[in-house]
Amino acid sequence: MLTLCPGVWGQTPLMDSVLCGSNAEISKFLEHLECLEGKNFLGQTAFHLAVLRSDVLSLLLETHSDFGGTGFNEPDIDGNSPLTYAAAYGCTESVRILLEAGANPLKGGHLDFIEWALNWNHWDVAAEALTLLRATARASDGFIQSELHHLMSARQGNPESSELGKMLNLGVDKNMLFEDGKTLLHHAPNSEWIDHLFDAGFQQIDHSDSNGETALMTFFPDWSGQIANILARGCNPNFSTKAQTLRFMTIAVALVLLMDALQFFSCFLDGDTTISAIYGYWNVS
């Protein structure tokens, strides 16, 4: 009965051995197959803990196949499976072992474990997992592309140029459209992002979103070079609607007036009187 007796935080002796015991010690516990059913107070099984030691994970899975249980897919109290743990910890080998053993890669209909890997900057884990999934019949190319679209949409709130390159390497469609009809070009935070996009073969330069705005219109007025970069790529500088043209002209006039006002008030910084400032402003204008 010792093998089933929970200790601190509900940890079973098998769980403790999985974390720091020898393979021989673990094998001794596994002579009692019911050990694999144990959970601690976080709802973790021995499989959750074993992802940190891929050789131990393989040992558990080998025993598990004889046992016929469902432990390696069991979620903890937060709904996270051992596969999610492996991805979050960056344990590439454990992710591979679990997927090859038939672990369910889906949570809520999505490849949630890959999102965990990306959130912790484990891009190698995401790349390996996608390679494995593409090589099997468990996920179609269309589904994986849909999931990459989902992952990219989830990360659009904090875009980084270096991250775009990594997402494109994972297989994100460079010409993808967000729900509002915007392209990846619409979301460019800087010119480096634009460079990454066009280096990958982006072709939607003049695409309009659901509001009828192209990326060029989105970036006007712009102080960091996006407009110059887009124009240099050969986009159409003409706006397709009168409303867009009116907006463009309104902003342009506002900028001219702002520059005039700054020039006018700069006269006071030179110690001019009100009359001389007005005279100097209109004389220059």
Protein backbone atom coordinates (compact mmCIF):
# COMPACT_ATOMS: atom_id res chain seq x y z
CA MET A 1 0.00 0.00 0.00
CA LEU A 2 3.00 2.28 0.38
CA THR A 3 3.07 2.93 -3.35
CA LEU A 4 -0.41 4.46 -3.25
CA CYS A 5 -0.01 6.52 -0.08
CA PRO A 6 -0.08 10.26 -0.88
CA GLY A 7 2.41 12.56 0.81
CA VAL A 8 2.79 16.35 0.93
CA TRP A 9 0.38 18.17 -1.43
CA GLY A 10 -1.05 14.83 -2.45
CA GLN A 11 2.18 13.72 -4.13
CA THR A 12 2.48 9.96 -4.48
CA PRO A 13 5.82 8.19 -4.06
CA LEU A 14 5.77 7.50 -7.80
CA MET A 15 5.48 11.23 -8.51
CA ASP A 16 8.43 11.97 -6.22
CA SER A 17 10.47 9.30 -7.96
CA VAL A 18 9.52 10.68 -11.38
CA LEU A 19 11.00 14.02 -10.36
CA CYS A 20 14.30 12.81 -8.91
CA GLY A 21 14.43 9.03 -8.63
CA SER A 22 16.29 6.48 -10.71
CA ASN A 23 14.69 4.56 -13.55
CA ALA A 24 15.11 1.37 -11.55
CA GLU A 25 13.21 2.88 -8.62
CA ILE A 26 10.45 4.10 -10.91
CA SER A 27 10.18 0.69 -12.58
CA LYS A 28 9.69 -0.85 -9.13
CA PHE A 29 6.72 1.43 -8.46
CA LEU A 30 5.30 0.67 -11.90
CA GLU A 31 4.91 -2.97 -10.94
CA HIS A 32 1.73 -1.63 -9.35
CA LEU A 33 -0.05 -0.22 -12.41
CA GLU A 34 -2.65 1.58 -10.32
CA CYS A 35 0.10 4.05 -9.35
CA LEU A 36 -0.46 5.76 -12.69
CA GLU A 37 -3.93 6.81 -11.57
CA GLY A 38 -2.69 9.01 -8.73
CA LYS A 39 -3.12 12.81 -8.77
CA ASN A 40 -1.77 15.54 -6.50
CA PHE A 41 -3.72 18.55 -5.21
CA LEU A 42 -3.09 20.39 -8.52
CA GLY A 43 -4.63 17.54 -10.45
CA GLN A 44 -1.26 16.58 -11.90
CA THR A 45 -0.48 12.98 -12.79
CA ALA A 46 2.92 11.33 -13.00
CA PHE A 47 2.83 12.10 -16.73
CA HIS A 48 2.64 15.86 -16.09
CA LEU A 49 5.80 15.68 -13.99
CA ALA A 50 7.62 13.26 -16.28
CA VAL A 51 7.78 15.73 -19.19
CA LEU A 52 10.91 17.16 -17.55
CA ARG A 53 12.63 13.78 -18.03
CA SER A 54 11.90 12.36 -21.46
CA ASP A 55 13.43 8.96 -20.66
CA VAL A 56 11.13 8.61 -17.65
CA LEU A 57 8.17 9.73 -19.75
CA SER A 58 8.95 6.98 -22.25
CA LEU A 59 9.09 4.47 -19.39
CA LEU A 60 5.69 5.56 -18.09
CA LEU A 61 4.13 5.44 -21.56
CA GLU A 62 5.52 1.96 -22.15
CA THR A 63 3.88 0.76 -18.95
CA HIS A 64 0.75 2.77 -19.72
CA SER A 65 0.25 0.98 -23.05
CA ASP A 66 -0.01 -2.28 -21.12
CA PHE A 67 -2.27 -0.70 -18.50
CA GLY A 68 -4.74 0.73 -21.03
CA GLY A 69 -5.55 3.87 -19.05
CA THR A 70 -5.94 7.47 -20.21
CA GLY A 71 -3.45 9.14 -17.87
CA PHE A 72 -1.24 10.73 -20.50
CA ASN A 73 -4.20 12.80 -21.74
CA GLU A 74 -5.61 13.64 -18.30
CA PRO A 75 -5.81 17.40 -17.61
CA ASP A 76 -4.84 19.05 -14.34
CA ILE A 77 -7.32 21.23 -12.40
CA ASP A 78 -6.74 24.06 -14.91
CA GLY A 79 -7.45 21.83 -17.87
CA ASN A 80 -3.83 21.48 -19.03
CA SER A 81 -2.58 18.13 -20.28
CA PRO A 82 0.95 16.71 -20.04
CA LEU A 83 1.44 17.79 -23.68
CA THR A 84 0.73 21.39 -22.67
CA TYR A 85 3.26 21.09 -19.82
CA ALA A 86 5.91 19.75 -22.19
CA ALA A 87 5.33 22.64 -24.60
CA ALA A 88 5.35 25.29 -21.86
CA TYR A 89 8.59 23.94 -20.38
CA GLY A 90 10.23 23.77 -23.80
CA CYS A 91 10.71 20.00 -23.64
CA THR A 92 10.87 19.26 -27.36
CA GLU A 93 11.65 15.56 -26.96
CA SER A 94 8.75 15.06 -24.56
CA VAL A 95 6.39 16.82 -26.98
CA ARG A 96 7.56 14.46 -29.73
CA ILE A 97 7.15 11.39 -27.50
CA LEU A 98 3.63 12.36 -26.44
CA LEU A 99 2.45 13.16 -29.97
CA GLU A 100 3.85 9.90 -31.31
CA ALA A 101 2.12 8.06 -28.45
CA GLY A 102 -1.20 9.53 -29.56
CA ALA A 103 -1.66 12.43 -27.15
CA ASN A 104 -4.64 14.63 -27.99
CA PRO A 105 -3.17 17.89 -29.38
CA LEU A 106 -6.46 19.81 -29.17
CA LYS A 107 -8.01 21.87 -26.41
CA GLY A 108 -11.17 23.79 -27.19
CA GLY A 109 -10.73 22.82 -30.83
CA HIS A 110 -7.32 24.50 -31.12
CA LEU A 111 -3.65 23.52 -30.89
CA ASP A 112 -3.49 25.20 -27.50
CA PHE A 113 -0.18 23.58 -26.56
CA ILE A 114 1.58 25.35 -29.44
CA GLU A 115 0.29 28.69 -28.19
CA TRP A 116 1.80 27.86 -24.78
CA ALA A 117 5.13 27.12 -26.47
CA LEU A 118 5.07 30.47 -28.30
CA ASN A 119 4.06 32.38 -25.17
CA TRP A 120 7.20 31.07 -23.47
CA ASN A 121 9.33 31.69 -26.56
CA HIS A 122 9.90 27.99 -27.33
CA TRP A 123 9.81 28.36 -31.11
CA ASP A 124 11.75 25.12 -31.62
CA VAL A 125 9.00 23.21 -29.83
CA ALA A 126 6.31 24.75 -32.04
CA ALA A 127 8.31 23.99 -35.19
CA GLU A 128 8.91 20.36 -34.20
CA ALA A 129 5.28 19.81 -33.23
CA LEU A 130 3.96 21.26 -36.49
CA THR A 131 6.41 19.12 -38.47
CA LEU A 132 5.15 16.00 -36.68
CA LEU A 133 1.50 16.91 -37.16
CA ARG A 134 2.02 17.65 -40.86
CA ALA A 135 3.66 14.24 -41.29
CA THR A 136 0.63 12.39 -39.92
CA ALA A 137 -2.98 12.05 -40.97
CA ARG A 138 -4.15 13.57 -37.66
CA ALA A 139 -4.17 17.14 -38.99
CA SER A 140 -4.82 18.32 -42.54
CA ASP A 141 -2.85 21.13 -44.15
CA GLY A 142 -6.01 23.22 -44.14
CA PHE A 143 -6.50 22.73 -40.39
CA ILE A 144 -2.89 23.59 -39.58
CA GLN A 145 -3.08 26.72 -41.73
CA SER A 146 -6.29 27.67 -39.92
CA GLU A 147 -4.53 27.19 -36.57
CA LEU A 148 -1.57 29.31 -37.67
CA HIS A 149 -4.07 32.00 -38.67
CA HIS A 150 -5.61 31.69 -35.19
CA LEU A 151 -2.19 31.97 -33.51
CA MET A 152 -1.20 34.99 -35.59
CA SER A 153 -4.50 36.71 -34.84
CA ALA A 154 -4.00 36.11 -31.12
CA ARG A 155 -0.56 37.75 -31.28
CA GLN A 156 -1.42 40.79 -33.40
CA GLY A 157 -1.92 43.02 -30.34
CA ASN A 158 1.82 43.13 -29.66
CA PRO A 159 3.53 42.79 -33.03
CA GLU A 160 7.32 42.49 -33.22
CA SER A 161 9.26 42.36 -36.45
CA SER A 162 11.45 39.46 -35.32
CA GLU A 163 8.36 37.49 -34.32
CA LEU A 164 6.79 37.96 -37.75
CA GLY A 165 9.78 36.27 -39.35
CA LYS A 166 9.44 33.33 -36.95
CA MET A 167 5.71 33.00 -37.59
CA LEU A 168 6.30 33.03 -41.34
CA ASN A 169 8.89 30.28 -40.87
CA LEU A 170 6.27 28.21 -39.04
CA GLY A 171 4.10 28.46 -42.15
CA VAL A 172 1.77 31.42 -41.54
CA ASP A 173 0.23 32.58 -44.82
CA LYS A 174 1.93 35.88 -45.65
CA ASN A 175 -1.23 37.02 -47.45
CA MET A 176 -3.63 36.11 -44.62
CA LEU A 177 -6.54 38.40 -43.78
CA PHE A 178 -7.76 39.24 -40.28
CA GLU A 179 -11.48 39.36 -39.44
CA ASP A 180 -11.60 43.08 -40.21
CA GLY A 181 -10.11 42.46 -43.65
CA LYS A 182 -6.71 43.88 -42.73
CA THR A 183 -3.52 42.27 -43.98
CA LEU A 184 -0.27 41.77 -42.11
CA LEU A 185 0.90 44.94 -43.86
CA HIS A 186 -1.86 46.96 -42.16
CA HIS A 187 -0.38 45.92 -38.79
CA ALA A 188 3.25 46.78 -39.58
CA PRO A 189 4.75 48.59 -36.54
CA ASN A 190 7.87 49.63 -38.46
CA SER A 191 9.74 49.33 -41.76
CA GLU A 192 11.55 46.17 -40.64
CA TRP A 193 8.20 44.37 -40.45
CA ILE A 194 7.43 45.51 -44.01
CA ASP A 195 10.82 44.22 -45.18
CA HIS A 196 10.15 40.79 -43.61
CA LEU A 197 6.75 40.65 -45.28
CA PHE A 198 7.89 41.52 -48.79
CA ASP A 199 10.99 39.33 -48.52
CA ALA A 200 8.55 36.46 -47.93
CA GLY A 201 6.65 37.32 -51.13
CA PHE A 202 3.74 39.39 -49.80
CA GLN A 203 1.39 40.41 -52.66
CA GLN A 204 -1.56 42.23 -51.05
CA ILE A 205 -0.02 45.70 -51.12
CA ASP A 206 -3.16 47.48 -52.36
CA HIS A 207 -5.72 45.36 -50.50
CA SER A 208 -8.49 47.32 -48.75
CA ASP A 209 -9.86 46.30 -45.34
CA SER A 210 -13.55 46.20 -44.38
CA ASN A 211 -13.50 50.01 -44.10
CA GLY A 212 -12.07 50.34 -47.59
CA GLU A 213 -8.64 51.43 -46.33
CA THR A 214 -5.35 50.22 -47.75
CA ALA A 215 -2.25 49.95 -45.60
CA LEU A 216 -1.04 53.25 -47.09
CA MET A 217 -4.16 55.01 -45.80
CA THR A 218 -3.79 53.33 -42.40
CA PHE A 219 -0.31 54.74 -41.90
CA PHE A 220 -1.05 58.35 -42.86
CA PRO A 221 0.20 60.50 -41.16
CA ASP A 222 3.35 58.54 -40.41
CA TRP A 223 6.58 59.53 -38.70
CA SER A 224 8.54 56.27 -38.78
CA GLY A 225 8.98 55.41 -42.46
CA GLN A 226 6.18 52.93 -43.21
CA ILE A 227 4.64 55.10 -45.94
CA ALA A 228 7.96 55.67 -47.69
CA ASN A 229 8.69 51.94 -47.57
CA ILE A 230 5.26 50.99 -48.95
CA LEU A 231 5.47 53.59 -51.73
CA ALA A 232 8.92 52.27 -52.63
CA ARG A 233 7.38 48.79 -53.02
CA GLY A 234 5.12 50.07 -55.80
CA CYS A 235 1.74 50.53 -54.12
CA ASN A 236 -1.02 52.57 -55.74
CA PRO A 237 -0.89 56.06 -54.16
CA ASN A 238 -4.40 56.94 -55.36
CA PHE A 239 -7.30 56.47 -52.95
CA SER A 240 -10.30 54.56 -54.21
CA THR A 241 -13.09 56.66 -52.67
CA LYS A 242 -13.89 60.33 -52.21
CA ALA A 243 -14.14 59.75 -48.47
CA GLN A 244 -10.57 58.45 -48.32
CA THR A 245 -9.31 61.34 -50.42
CA LEU A 246 -11.16 63.83 -48.19
CA ARG A 247 -9.66 62.26 -45.08
CA PHE A 248 -6.20 62.37 -46.61
CA MET A 249 -6.59 66.04 -47.57
CA THR A 250 -8.04 66.96 -44.16
CA ILE A 251 -5.06 65.46 -42.35
CA ALA A 252 -2.66 67.07 -44.81
CA VAL A 253 -4.23 70.53 -44.28
CA ALA A 254 -4.19 70.01 -40.52
CA LEU A 255 -0.48 69.23 -40.65
CA VAL A 256 0.20 72.34 -42.75
CA LEU A 257 -1.74 74.50 -40.27
CA LEU A 258 0.11 72.90 -37.38
CA MET A 259 3.47 73.63 -38.97
CA ASP A 260 2.36 77.22 -39.66
CA ALA A 261 1.29 77.64 -36.04
CA LEU A 262 4.60 76.30 -34.77
CA GLN A 263 6.44 78.67 -37.08
CA PHE A 264 4.29 81.60 -35.85
CA PHE A 265 4.82 80.90 -32.16
CA SER A 266 8.53 80.37 -32.67
CA CYS A 267 8.71 84.10 -33.41
CA PHE A 268 7.93 84.78 -29.75
CA LEU A 269 10.89 82.65 -28.69
CA ASP A 270 13.08 85.17 -30.50
CA GLY A 271 11.70 88.01 -28.33
CA ASP A 272 9.45 89.56 -31.00
CA THR A 273 6.44 91.70 -30.09
CA THR A 274 2.99 90.49 -31.09
CA ILE A 275 2.88 92.87 -34.08
CA SER A 276 6.35 91.95 -35.30
CA ALA A 277 5.62 88.26 -34.80
CA ILE A 278 2.49 88.49 -36.95
CA TYR A 279 4.37 90.49 -39.56
CA GLY A 280 7.26 88.03 -39.57
CA TYR A 281 4.92 85.03 -39.80
CA TRP A 282 2.96 86.34 -42.78
CA ASN A 283 6.10 87.61 -44.47
CA VAL A 284 7.63 84.12 -44.31
CA SER A 285 4.34 82.46 -45.29
